[in-house]
Amino acid sequence: MRRTRDFVESSGMADLTIEPGKTRIGWIGTGVMGCSMVGHLMAAGYSATVYNRSRSKAEPLLAKGAAWADTPKRVAEQSDVIFSIVGFPSDVREVTLGAQGSLAGASAGAILVDMTTSEPSLAVEIAETAKAKGVHSVDAPVSGGDIGARNAALSIMIGGEKAIVEKLTPLFQAMGKTIVHQGGPGAGQHTKMANQILIATNMIGVCESLLYGYKAGLNLETMLQSVGPGAAGSWSLSNLGPRIMQNNFDPGFFVEHFIKDMGIALAEAKRMGLSLPGLALSEQLYLSVKAKGWGRNGTHALMLALAEMSGLDWPKRK
């Protein structure tokens, strides 16, 4: 097997300079997070060609000067680095490996960067398929939700060849604050699974704590002032706790996408012979949230299902 440096040079990667005004960015998926993320790249001086299944969600970017493409393939034909952040692994497969996918339009030396939370095995498959065409592939899922995307404060977990990841650093720095190369193809996705496992059970604690405080007659705002800075503190408590109290269940991250992530993590755990009962419980609770019609709400909508289990109508609920 050739060394990474040999492959990079032979594919033309050594000639690709990541630089505002020169590097052409492609972006597939301009939803809750993607729109903000590519917006930061445009603000940093990179030209962008975008695609989304619903063009209306790309209109704010088009108004700022982004070009539109009708398919992921067309995006890739006009880009040096092609990002994607879509919903499910099936969507990743379609927009990357499909007949009108980005790999079909990518030139040798181009880089595909999938920022969707997806299957580690699919990330490996894409990397191997792309390499056969002289195209590079990186899996780089993110954490931080809509807030992190808007504030360019995402945690970016990266799997792929080190030399390629280093080339991409200026682009990642425009979107996030914590940027860590985790290893080869699929390593970014495995790290994101570890992240989702942490969030899944933590969210149960956040919601149950608020329920307990409410039923005990506490002022929830002052309760958070006491518990938030201490050992019980977490990102979810600090950022989503106030949203829960305001009855704001708008999605920073959709319940239905979180269920997808937990399913991937449980399948990987089963493959590795691991028992993760806490994650399994979280999945069941979130399936009940979706069954009650809240699948397109944020993950903190777990509060609505837990309150209903206790016979409570969450305060200020519409």
C-alpha atoms as a PDB file:
ATOM      1  CA  MET A   1       0.000   0.000   0.000  1.00  0.00           C
ATOM      2  CA  ARG A   2       1.301   3.452  -0.885  1.00  0.00           C
ATOM      3  CA  ARG A   3       1.955   5.952   1.846  1.00  0.00           C
ATOM      4  CA  THR A   4      -0.592   8.726   2.368  1.00  0.00           C
ATOM      5  CA  ARG A   5       1.837  11.351   1.069  1.00  0.00           C
ATOM      6  CA  ASP A   6       2.317   9.448  -2.209  1.00  0.00           C
ATOM      7  CA  PHE A   7      -1.440   9.119  -2.674  1.00  0.00           C
ATOM      8  CA  VAL A   8      -2.037  12.770  -1.885  1.00  0.00           C
ATOM      9  CA  GLU A   9       0.504  13.961  -4.416  1.00  0.00           C
ATOM     10  CA  SER A  10      -0.546  11.543  -7.152  1.00  0.00           C
ATOM     11  CA  SER A  11      -4.195  12.570  -6.864  1.00  0.00           C
ATOM     12  CA  GLY A  12      -3.489  16.284  -7.191  1.00  0.00           C
ATOM     13  CA  MET A  13      -4.279  17.072  -3.577  1.00  0.00           C
ATOM     14  CA  ALA A  14      -0.880  18.698  -3.143  1.00  0.00           C
ATOM     15  CA  ASP A  15      -1.992  21.362  -5.643  1.00  0.00           C
ATOM     16  CA  LEU A  16      -5.241  22.194  -3.828  1.00  0.00           C
ATOM     17  CA  THR A  17      -4.847  25.239  -1.617  1.00  0.00           C
ATOM     18  CA  ILE A  18      -7.541  25.886   0.961  1.00  0.00           C
ATOM     19  CA  GLU A  19      -7.806  29.634   0.703  1.00  0.00           C
ATOM     20  CA  PRO A  20     -10.654  32.178   0.660  1.00  0.00           C
ATOM     21  CA  GLY A  21     -11.278  33.422  -2.846  1.00  0.00           C
ATOM     22  CA  LYS A  22      -9.701  30.321  -4.385  1.00  0.00           C
ATOM     23  CA  THR A  23     -11.236  27.213  -2.854  1.00  0.00           C
ATOM     24  CA  ARG A  24     -14.721  26.444  -4.161  1.00  0.00           C
ATOM     25  CA  ILE A  25     -17.058  25.048  -1.513  1.00  0.00           C
ATOM     26  CA  GLY A  26     -20.005  22.771  -2.233  1.00  0.00           C
ATOM     27  CA  TRP A  27     -22.713  22.249   0.381  1.00  0.00           C
ATOM     28  CA  ILE A  28     -25.463  19.621   0.432  1.00  0.00           C
ATOM     29  CA  GLY A  29     -28.117  20.072   3.129  1.00  0.00           C
ATOM     30  CA  THR A  30     -29.078  23.579   4.258  1.00  0.00           C
ATOM     31  CA  GLY A  31     -31.336  22.725   7.190  1.00  0.00           C
ATOM     32  CA  VAL A  32     -31.332  23.782  10.851  1.00  0.00           C
ATOM     33  CA  MET A  33     -27.545  23.494  11.172  1.00  0.00           C
ATOM     34  CA  GLY A  34     -26.246  23.386   7.606  1.00  0.00           C
ATOM     35  CA  CYS A  35     -27.492  26.846   6.678  1.00  0.00           C
ATOM     36  CA  SER A  36     -25.514  28.476   9.484  1.00  0.00           C
ATOM     37  CA  MET A  37     -22.429  26.358   8.864  1.00  0.00           C
ATOM     38  CA  VAL A  38     -22.037  27.170   5.187  1.00  0.00           C
ATOM     39  CA  GLY A  39     -22.943  30.758   6.017  1.00  0.00           C
ATOM     40  CA  HIS A  40     -19.801  30.977   8.167  1.00  0.00           C
ATOM     41  CA  LEU A  41     -17.681  29.684   5.293  1.00  0.00           C
ATOM     42  CA  MET A  42     -19.165  32.273   2.957  1.00  0.00           C
ATOM     43  CA  ALA A  43     -18.537  34.998   5.534  1.00  0.00           C
ATOM     44  CA  ALA A  44     -14.906  33.843   5.643  1.00  0.00           C
ATOM     45  CA  GLY A  45     -14.603  34.505   1.907  1.00  0.00           C
ATOM     46  CA  TYR A  46     -15.274  31.120   0.303  1.00  0.00           C
ATOM     47  CA  SER A  47     -17.595  30.878  -2.677  1.00  0.00           C
ATOM     48  CA  ALA A  48     -20.334  28.270  -2.283  1.00  0.00           C
ATOM     49  CA  THR A  49     -22.605  26.169  -4.458  1.00  0.00           C
ATOM     50  CA  VAL A  50     -25.512  24.672  -2.510  1.00  0.00           C
ATOM     51  CA  TYR A  51     -28.183  22.019  -2.857  1.00  0.00           C
ATOM     52  CA  ASN A  52     -31.137  21.098  -0.658  1.00  0.00           C
ATOM     53  CA  ARG A  53     -34.203  18.984  -1.376  1.00  0.00           C
ATOM     54  CA  SER A  54     -36.347  22.010  -0.533  1.00  0.00           C
ATOM     55  CA  ARG A  55     -34.869  25.008  -2.329  1.00  0.00           C
ATOM     56  CA  SER A  56     -36.734  27.384  -0.007  1.00  0.00           C
ATOM     57  CA  LYS A  57     -34.374  26.421   2.843  1.00  0.00           C
ATOM     58  CA  ALA A  58     -31.431  27.593   0.752  1.00  0.00           C
ATOM     59  CA  GLU A  59     -32.921  30.974  -0.140  1.00  0.00           C
ATOM     60  CA  PRO A  60     -31.128  32.896   2.661  1.00  0.00           C
ATOM     61  CA  LEU A  61     -27.804  31.623   1.298  1.00  0.00           C
ATOM     62  CA  LEU A  62     -28.721  32.394  -2.304  1.00  0.00           C
ATOM     63  CA  ALA A  63     -29.578  35.930  -1.219  1.00  0.00           C
ATOM     64  CA  LYS A  64     -26.021  36.202   0.180  1.00  0.00           C
ATOM     65  CA  GLY A  65     -24.441  35.125  -3.104  1.00  0.00           C
ATOM     66  CA  ALA A  66     -24.373  31.335  -3.047  1.00  0.00           C
ATOM     67  CA  ALA A  67     -24.953  29.536  -6.345  1.00  0.00           C
ATOM     68  CA  TRP A  68     -27.671  26.915  -6.682  1.00  0.00           C
ATOM     69  CA  ALA A  69     -27.255  23.420  -8.134  1.00  0.00           C
ATOM     70  CA  ASP A  70     -30.109  21.049  -8.944  1.00  0.00           C
ATOM     71  CA  THR A  71     -28.362  17.878  -7.764  1.00  0.00           C
ATOM     72  CA  PRO A  72     -25.487  16.859  -5.470  1.00  0.00           C
ATOM     73  CA  LYS A  73     -23.625  15.773  -8.599  1.00  0.00           C
ATOM     74  CA  ARG A  74     -23.844  19.298  -9.999  1.00  0.00           C
ATOM     75  CA  VAL A  75     -22.639  20.694  -6.681  1.00  0.00           C
ATOM     76  CA  ALA A  76     -19.544  18.513  -6.875  1.00  0.00           C
ATOM     77  CA  GLU A  77     -18.841  19.407 -10.492  1.00  0.00           C
ATOM     78  CA  GLN A  78     -18.462  23.037  -9.421  1.00  0.00           C
ATOM     79  CA  SER A  79     -16.567  22.482  -6.146  1.00  0.00           C
ATOM     80  CA  ASP A  80     -13.198  21.506  -4.691  1.00  0.00           C
ATOM     81  CA  VAL A  81     -14.467  20.527  -1.242  1.00  0.00           C
ATOM     82  CA  ILE A  82     -17.992  19.151  -0.959  1.00  0.00           C
ATOM     83  CA  PHE A  83     -19.713  19.105   2.440  1.00  0.00           C
ATOM     84  CA  SER A  84     -22.913  17.280   3.298  1.00  0.00           C
ATOM     85  CA  ILE A  85     -25.108  17.324   6.396  1.00  0.00           C
ATOM     86  CA  VAL A  86     -28.405  15.546   5.837  1.00  0.00           C
ATOM     87  CA  GLY A  87     -30.788  13.435   7.895  1.00  0.00           C
ATOM     88  CA  PHE A  88     -30.288   9.684   7.789  1.00  0.00           C
ATOM     89  CA  PRO A  89     -27.680   7.181   6.549  1.00  0.00           C
ATOM     90  CA  SER A  90     -29.955   6.443   3.587  1.00  0.00           C
ATOM     91  CA  ASP A  91     -29.809  10.148   2.696  1.00  0.00           C
ATOM     92  CA  VAL A  92     -26.000  10.129   3.011  1.00  0.00           C
ATOM     93  CA  ARG A  93     -25.821   7.143   0.663  1.00  0.00           C
ATOM     94  CA  GLU A  94     -28.105   8.816  -1.878  1.00  0.00           C
ATOM     95  CA  VAL A  95     -26.428  12.245  -1.938  1.00  0.00           C
ATOM     96  CA  THR A  96     -22.921  10.731  -1.965  1.00  0.00           C
ATOM     97  CA  LEU A  97     -22.985   7.381  -3.774  1.00  0.00           C
ATOM     98  CA  GLY A  98     -26.190   7.693  -5.803  1.00  0.00           C
ATOM     99  CA  ALA A  99     -26.311   8.197  -9.579  1.00  0.00           C
ATOM    100  CA  GLN A 100     -26.779  11.945  -8.986  1.00  0.00           C
ATOM    101  CA  GLY A 101     -24.586  11.954  -5.898  1.00  0.00           C
ATOM    102  CA  SER A 102     -21.534  14.044  -5.153  1.00  0.00           C
ATOM    103  CA  LEU A 103     -18.997  11.304  -5.912  1.00  0.00           C
ATOM    104  CA  ALA A 104     -20.379  10.999  -9.435  1.00  0.00           C
ATOM    105  CA  GLY A 105     -19.537  14.650 -10.055  1.00  0.00           C
ATOM    106  CA  ALA A 106     -16.314  14.938  -8.068  1.00  0.00           C
ATOM    107  CA  SER A 107     -12.990  15.347  -9.887  1.00  0.00           C
ATOM    108  CA  ALA A 108      -9.819  13.513  -8.854  1.00  0.00           C
ATOM    109  CA  GLY A 109      -8.280  15.326  -5.883  1.00  0.00           C
ATOM    110  CA  ALA A 110     -11.614  16.695  -4.628  1.00  0.00           C
ATOM    111  CA  ILE A 111     -12.593  16.129  -0.994  1.00  0.00           C
ATOM    112  CA  LEU A 112     -15.947  14.888   0.300  1.00  0.00           C
ATOM    113  CA  VAL A 113     -16.726  15.853   3.909  1.00  0.00           C
ATOM    114  CA  ASP A 114     -19.818  14.277   5.436  1.00  0.00           C
ATOM    115  CA  MET A 115     -20.881  16.050   8.629  1.00  0.00           C
ATOM    116  CA  THR A 116     -24.057  14.023   9.113  1.00  0.00           C
ATOM    117  CA  THR A 117     -24.253  11.750  12.130  1.00  0.00           C
ATOM    118  CA  SER A 118     -24.261   8.448  10.293  1.00  0.00           C
ATOM    119  CA  GLU A 119     -23.047   4.851  10.350  1.00  0.00           C
ATOM    120  CA  PRO A 120     -19.308   4.267  10.849  1.00  0.00           C
ATOM    121  CA  SER A 121     -19.444   1.425   8.320  1.00  0.00           C
ATOM    122  CA  LEU A 122     -20.941   3.736   5.704  1.00  0.00           C
ATOM    123  CA  ALA A 123     -18.152   6.269   6.296  1.00  0.00           C
ATOM    124  CA  VAL A 124     -15.603   3.514   5.613  1.00  0.00           C
ATOM    125  CA  GLU A 125     -17.480   2.419   2.479  1.00  0.00           C
ATOM    126  CA  ILE A 126     -17.587   5.970   1.123  1.00  0.00           C
ATOM    127  CA  ALA A 127     -13.884   6.479   1.826  1.00  0.00           C
ATOM    128  CA  GLU A 128     -12.930   3.273   0.003  1.00  0.00           C
ATOM    129  CA  THR A 129     -15.241   3.969  -2.952  1.00  0.00           C
ATOM    130  CA  ALA A 130     -13.990   7.552  -3.249  1.00  0.00           C
ATOM    131  CA  LYS A 131     -10.344   6.500  -3.044  1.00  0.00           C
ATOM    132  CA  ALA A 132     -10.807   4.200  -6.025  1.00  0.00           C
ATOM    133  CA  LYS A 133     -11.758   7.307  -8.022  1.00  0.00           C
ATOM    134  CA  GLY A 134      -8.908   9.437  -6.671  1.00  0.00           C
ATOM    135  CA  VAL A 135     -11.265  11.401  -4.445  1.00  0.00           C
ATOM    136  CA  HIS A 136     -10.727  11.898  -0.707  1.00  0.00           C
ATOM    137  CA  SER A 137     -13.413  11.398   1.928  1.00  0.00           C
ATOM    138  CA  VAL A 138     -13.645  12.536   5.542  1.00  0.00           C
ATOM    139  CA  ASP A 139     -16.361  11.856   8.118  1.00  0.00           C
ATOM    140  CA  ALA A 140     -16.771  14.843  10.418  1.00  0.00           C
ATOM    141  CA  PRO A 141     -19.988  14.734  12.485  1.00  0.00           C
ATOM    142  CA  VAL A 142     -20.613  17.605  14.853  1.00  0.00           C
ATOM    143  CA  SER A 143     -22.082  18.345  18.266  1.00  0.00           C
ATOM    144  CA  GLY A 144     -23.534  21.610  19.522  1.00  0.00           C
ATOM    145  CA  GLY A 145     -26.913  21.791  17.826  1.00  0.00           C
ATOM    146  CA  ASP A 146     -28.395  24.891  16.283  1.00  0.00           C
ATOM    147  CA  ILE A 147     -26.760  27.122  18.910  1.00  0.00           C
ATOM    148  CA  GLY A 148     -23.290  25.801  18.166  1.00  0.00           C
ATOM    149  CA  ALA A 149     -23.899  26.072  14.433  1.00  0.00           C
ATOM    150  CA  ARG A 150     -25.057  29.691  14.683  1.00  0.00           C
ATOM    151  CA  ASN A 151     -22.147  30.666  16.916  1.00  0.00           C
ATOM    152  CA  ALA A 152     -19.482  28.745  14.970  1.00  0.00           C
ATOM    153  CA  ALA A 153     -18.812  26.890  18.211  1.00  0.00           C
ATOM    154  CA  LEU A 154     -19.355  23.284  17.141  1.00  0.00           C
ATOM    155  CA  SER A 155     -17.334  20.317  18.315  1.00  0.00           C
ATOM    156  CA  ILE A 156     -16.151  18.555  15.147  1.00  0.00           C
ATOM    157  CA  MET A 157     -15.116  14.886  15.360  1.00  0.00           C
ATOM    158  CA  ILE A 158     -13.071  13.808  12.358  1.00  0.00           C
ATOM    159  CA  GLY A 159     -12.210  10.512  10.742  1.00  0.00           C
ATOM    160  CA  GLY A 160      -9.940  10.270   7.697  1.00  0.00           C
ATOM    161  CA  GLU A 161      -6.380  10.502   6.454  1.00  0.00           C
ATOM    162  CA  LYS A 162      -4.318  12.886   8.564  1.00  0.00           C
ATOM    163  CA  ALA A 163      -2.856  14.816   5.628  1.00  0.00           C
ATOM    164  CA  ILE A 164      -6.322  15.519   4.220  1.00  0.00           C
ATOM    165  CA  VAL A 165      -7.724  16.526   7.602  1.00  0.00           C
ATOM    166  CA  GLU A 166      -4.861  18.982   8.097  1.00  0.00           C
ATOM    167  CA  LYS A 167      -5.618  20.556   4.714  1.00  0.00           C
ATOM    168  CA  LEU A 168      -9.218  21.108   5.789  1.00  0.00           C
ATOM    169  CA  THR A 169      -8.409  22.748   9.130  1.00  0.00           C
ATOM    170  CA  PRO A 170      -9.124  26.359   8.013  1.00  0.00           C
ATOM    171  CA  LEU A 171     -12.616  25.305   6.928  1.00  0.00           C
ATOM    172  CA  PHE A 172     -13.335  23.465  10.151  1.00  0.00           C
ATOM    173  CA  GLN A 173     -12.076  26.462  12.151  1.00  0.00           C
ATOM    174  CA  ALA A 174     -14.684  28.662  10.465  1.00  0.00           C
ATOM    175  CA  MET A 175     -17.456  26.436  11.824  1.00  0.00           C
ATOM    176  CA  GLY A 176     -16.269  25.101  15.162  1.00  0.00           C
ATOM    177  CA  LYS A 177     -14.156  25.603  18.262  1.00  0.00           C
ATOM    178  CA  THR A 178     -13.228  22.035  19.190  1.00  0.00           C
ATOM    179  CA  ILE A 179     -11.694  20.248  16.214  1.00  0.00           C
ATOM    180  CA  VAL A 180     -10.168  16.824  16.850  1.00  0.00           C
ATOM    181  CA  HIS A 181      -8.872  14.229  14.398  1.00  0.00           C
ATOM    182  CA  GLN A 182      -9.977  10.915  15.904  1.00  0.00           C
ATOM    183  CA  GLY A 183      -8.379   8.452  13.474  1.00  0.00           C
ATOM    184  CA  GLY A 184      -9.063   6.802  10.136  1.00  0.00           C
ATOM    185  CA  PRO A 185     -12.346   6.581   8.204  1.00  0.00           C
ATOM    186  CA  GLY A 186     -15.290   5.970  10.527  1.00  0.00           C
ATOM    187  CA  ALA A 187     -13.502   7.191  13.667  1.00  0.00           C
ATOM    188  CA  GLY A 188     -15.391  10.483  13.622  1.00  0.00           C
ATOM    189  CA  GLN A 189     -18.701   8.625  13.527  1.00  0.00           C
ATOM    190  CA  HIS A 190     -17.702   6.301  16.365  1.00  0.00           C
ATOM    191  CA  THR A 191     -16.796   9.355  18.464  1.00  0.00           C
ATOM    192  CA  LYS A 192     -20.167  10.910  17.715  1.00  0.00           C
ATOM    193  CA  MET A 193     -21.864   7.724  18.894  1.00  0.00           C
ATOM    194  CA  ALA A 194     -20.037   8.078  22.227  1.00  0.00           C
ATOM    195  CA  ASN A 195     -21.277  11.684  22.333  1.00  0.00           C
ATOM    196  CA  GLN A 196     -24.892  10.661  21.696  1.00  0.00           C
ATOM    197  CA  ILE A 197     -24.758   7.964  24.384  1.00  0.00           C
ATOM    198  CA  LEU A 198     -23.732  10.637  26.897  1.00  0.00           C
ATOM    199  CA  ILE A 199     -26.526  12.976  25.808  1.00  0.00           C
ATOM    200  CA  ALA A 200     -29.226  10.293  25.809  1.00  0.00           C
ATOM    201  CA  THR A 201     -29.122   9.456  29.497  1.00  0.00           C
ATOM    202  CA  ASN A 202     -28.187  12.988  30.552  1.00  0.00           C
ATOM    203  CA  MET A 203     -31.382  14.315  28.984  1.00  0.00           C
ATOM    204  CA  ILE A 204     -33.427  11.941  31.127  1.00  0.00           C
ATOM    205  CA  GLY A 205     -31.758  13.425  34.204  1.00  0.00           C
ATOM    206  CA  VAL A 206     -32.346  17.006  33.051  1.00  0.00           C
ATOM    207  CA  CYS A 207     -36.063  16.459  32.470  1.00  0.00           C
ATOM    208  CA  GLU A 208     -36.650  14.383  35.612  1.00  0.00           C
ATOM    209  CA  SER A 209     -34.827  16.968  37.730  1.00  0.00           C
ATOM    210  CA  LEU A 210     -37.002  19.780  36.403  1.00  0.00           C
ATOM    211  CA  LEU A 211     -40.140  17.674  36.924  1.00  0.00           C
ATOM    212  CA  TYR A 212     -39.122  16.968  40.505  1.00  0.00           C
ATOM    213  CA  GLY A 213     -38.356  20.615  41.198  1.00  0.00           C
ATOM    214  CA  TYR A 214     -41.673  21.716  39.730  1.00  0.00           C
ATOM    215  CA  LYS A 215     -43.714  19.189  41.705  1.00  0.00           C
ATOM    216  CA  ALA A 216     -41.838  20.122  44.893  1.00  0.00           C
ATOM    217  CA  GLY A 217     -42.867  23.745  44.399  1.00  0.00           C
ATOM    218  CA  LEU A 218     -39.390  25.119  43.696  1.00  0.00           C
ATOM    219  CA  ASN A 219     -38.657  28.154  41.570  1.00  0.00           C
ATOM    220  CA  LEU A 220     -36.975  26.413  38.647  1.00  0.00           C
ATOM    221  CA  GLU A 221     -34.903  29.440  37.656  1.00  0.00           C
ATOM    222  CA  THR A 222     -33.304  29.702  41.073  1.00  0.00           C
ATOM    223  CA  MET A 223     -32.961  25.918  41.268  1.00  0.00           C
ATOM    224  CA  LEU A 224     -30.844  26.020  38.105  1.00  0.00           C
ATOM    225  CA  GLN A 225     -28.713  28.781  39.597  1.00  0.00           C
ATOM    226  CA  SER A 226     -27.751  26.363  42.367  1.00  0.00           C
ATOM    227  CA  VAL A 227     -27.346  23.070  40.524  1.00  0.00           C
ATOM    228  CA  GLY A 228     -26.121  24.277  37.119  1.00  0.00           C
ATOM    229  CA  PRO A 229     -22.597  25.384  38.127  1.00  0.00           C
ATOM    230  CA  GLY A 230     -21.933  22.316  40.285  1.00  0.00           C
ATOM    231  CA  ALA A 231     -21.162  18.660  39.622  1.00  0.00           C
ATOM    232  CA  ALA A 232     -24.657  18.139  38.160  1.00  0.00           C
ATOM    233  CA  GLY A 233     -24.117  20.777  35.476  1.00  0.00           C
ATOM    234  CA  SER A 234     -24.121  19.926  31.771  1.00  0.00           C
ATOM    235  CA  TRP A 235     -24.518  21.563  28.384  1.00  0.00           C
ATOM    236  CA  SER A 236     -28.035  20.176  28.115  1.00  0.00           C
ATOM    237  CA  LEU A 237     -29.032  21.546  31.500  1.00  0.00           C
ATOM    238  CA  SER A 238     -27.614  25.013  30.829  1.00  0.00           C
ATOM    239  CA  ASN A 239     -28.830  25.384  27.242  1.00  0.00           C
ATOM    240  CA  LEU A 240     -31.972  23.272  27.016  1.00  0.00           C
ATOM    241  CA  GLY A 241     -33.195  23.582  30.609  1.00  0.00           C
ATOM    242  CA  PRO A 242     -34.249  27.214  30.050  1.00  0.00           C
ATOM    243  CA  ARG A 243     -35.964  26.260  26.791  1.00  0.00           C
ATOM    244  CA  ILE A 244     -37.969  23.589  28.599  1.00  0.00           C
ATOM    245  CA  MET A 245     -39.068  26.103  31.238  1.00  0.00           C
ATOM    246  CA  GLN A 246     -40.118  28.525  28.486  1.00  0.00           C
ATOM    247  CA  ASN A 247     -42.123  25.775  26.745  1.00  0.00           C
ATOM    248  CA  ASN A 248     -39.878  26.233  23.719  1.00  0.00           C
ATOM    249  CA  PHE A 249     -39.441  22.835  22.102  1.00  0.00           C
ATOM    250  CA  ASP A 250     -38.204  24.092  18.742  1.00  0.00           C
ATOM    251  CA  PRO A 251     -35.536  21.781  17.357  1.00  0.00           C
ATOM    252  CA  GLY A 252     -31.874  22.357  17.775  1.00  0.00           C
ATOM    253  CA  PHE A 253     -31.751  18.671  16.921  1.00  0.00           C
ATOM    254  CA  PHE A 254     -34.811  16.639  15.919  1.00  0.00           C
ATOM    255  CA  VAL A 255     -36.136  13.831  18.120  1.00  0.00           C
ATOM    256  CA  GLU A 256     -36.453  11.583  15.073  1.00  0.00           C
ATOM    257  CA  HIS A 257     -32.798  12.146  14.177  1.00  0.00           C
ATOM    258  CA  PHE A 258     -31.771  11.388  17.758  1.00  0.00           C
ATOM    259  CA  ILE A 259     -33.673   8.094  17.608  1.00  0.00           C
ATOM    260  CA  LYS A 260     -31.717   7.300  14.449  1.00  0.00           C
ATOM    261  CA  ASP A 261     -28.451   8.006  16.256  1.00  0.00           C
ATOM    262  CA  MET A 262     -29.365   5.824  19.224  1.00  0.00           C
ATOM    263  CA  GLY A 263     -30.292   3.021  16.843  1.00  0.00           C
ATOM    264  CA  ILE A 264     -26.889   3.240  15.181  1.00  0.00           C
ATOM    265  CA  ALA A 265     -25.118   3.229  18.550  1.00  0.00           C
ATOM    266  CA  LEU A 266     -27.119   0.246  19.796  1.00  0.00           C
ATOM    267  CA  ALA A 267     -26.407  -1.686  16.587  1.00  0.00           C
ATOM    268  CA  GLU A 268     -22.685  -0.949  16.906  1.00  0.00           C
ATOM    269  CA  ALA A 269     -22.773  -1.954  20.577  1.00  0.00           C
ATOM    270  CA  LYS A 270     -24.449  -5.253  19.689  1.00  0.00           C
ATOM    271  CA  ARG A 271     -21.831  -5.905  17.023  1.00  0.00           C
ATOM    272  CA  MET A 272     -19.095  -5.326  19.621  1.00  0.00           C
ATOM    273  CA  GLY A 273     -20.812  -7.475  22.251  1.00  0.00           C
ATOM    274  CA  LEU A 274     -21.623  -4.551  24.562  1.00  0.00           C
ATOM    275  CA  SER A 275     -24.643  -4.190  26.830  1.00  0.00           C
ATOM    276  CA  LEU A 276     -25.801  -0.582  27.130  1.00  0.00           C
ATOM    277  CA  PRO A 277     -29.037  -0.682  29.159  1.00  0.00           C
ATOM    278  CA  GLY A 278     -29.127   3.063  29.796  1.00  0.00           C
ATOM    279  CA  LEU A 279     -29.038   3.808  26.088  1.00  0.00           C
ATOM    280  CA  ALA A 280     -31.686   1.167  25.426  1.00  0.00           C
ATOM    281  CA  LEU A 281     -33.983   2.820  27.977  1.00  0.00           C
ATOM    282  CA  SER A 282     -33.411   6.234  26.400  1.00  0.00           C
ATOM    283  CA  GLU A 283     -34.313   4.880  22.980  1.00  0.00           C
ATOM    284  CA  GLN A 284     -37.592   3.480  24.301  1.00  0.00           C
ATOM    285  CA  LEU A 285     -38.495   6.777  25.963  1.00  0.00           C
ATOM    286  CA  TYR A 286     -37.748   8.719  22.803  1.00  0.00           C
ATOM    287  CA  LEU A 287     -39.777   6.304  20.714  1.00  0.00           C
ATOM    288  CA  SER A 288     -42.719   7.226  22.953  1.00  0.00           C
ATOM    289  CA  VAL A 289     -42.001  10.916  22.324  1.00  0.00           C
ATOM    290  CA  LYS A 290     -42.157  10.304  18.578  1.00  0.00           C
ATOM    291  CA  ALA A 291     -45.300   8.166  18.895  1.00  0.00           C
ATOM    292  CA  LYS A 292     -47.029  11.096  20.598  1.00  0.00           C
ATOM    293  CA  GLY A 293     -46.338  13.293  17.575  1.00  0.00           C
ATOM    294  CA  TRP A 294     -43.277  15.206  18.791  1.00  0.00           C
ATOM    295  CA  GLY A 295     -40.695  13.665  16.466  1.00  0.00           C
ATOM    296  CA  ARG A 296     -39.962  16.980  14.759  1.00  0.00           C
ATOM    297  CA  ASN A 297     -39.433  18.785  18.061  1.00  0.00           C
ATOM    298  CA  GLY A 298     -36.080  19.158  19.783  1.00  0.00           C
ATOM    299  CA  THR A 299     -34.617  16.394  21.928  1.00  0.00           C
ATOM    300  CA  HIS A 300     -35.687  18.257  25.070  1.00  0.00           C
ATOM    301  CA  ALA A 301     -39.313  17.439  24.134  1.00  0.00           C
ATOM    302  CA  LEU A 302     -38.665  14.331  26.219  1.00  0.00           C
ATOM    303  CA  MET A 303     -40.051  16.501  29.029  1.00  0.00           C
ATOM    304  CA  LEU A 304     -43.530  16.383  27.475  1.00  0.00           C
ATOM    305  CA  ALA A 305     -43.620  12.586  27.479  1.00  0.00           C
ATOM    306  CA  LEU A 306     -42.214  12.265  31.000  1.00  0.00           C
ATOM    307  CA  ALA A 307     -44.660  14.859  32.346  1.00  0.00           C
ATOM    308  CA  GLU A 308     -47.537  12.979  30.758  1.00  0.00           C
ATOM    309  CA  MET A 309     -46.376   9.734  32.407  1.00  0.00           C
ATOM    310  CA  SER A 310     -46.733  11.484  35.784  1.00  0.00           C
ATOM    311  CA  GLY A 311     -50.137  12.913  34.918  1.00  0.00           C
ATOM    312  CA  LEU A 312     -48.785  16.468  34.665  1.00  0.00           C
ATOM    313  CA  ASP A 313     -49.535  19.041  32.013  1.00  0.00           C
ATOM    314  CA  TRP A 314     -46.178  20.800  31.742  1.00  0.00           C
ATOM    315  CA  PRO A 315     -46.601  24.488  32.715  1.00  0.00           C
ATOM    316  CA  LYS A 316     -47.137  26.975  29.910  1.00  0.00           C
ATOM    317  CA  ARG A 317     -47.587  24.116  27.445  1.00  0.00           C
ATOM    318  CA  LYS A 318     -49.510  25.224  24.380  1.00  0.00           C
END
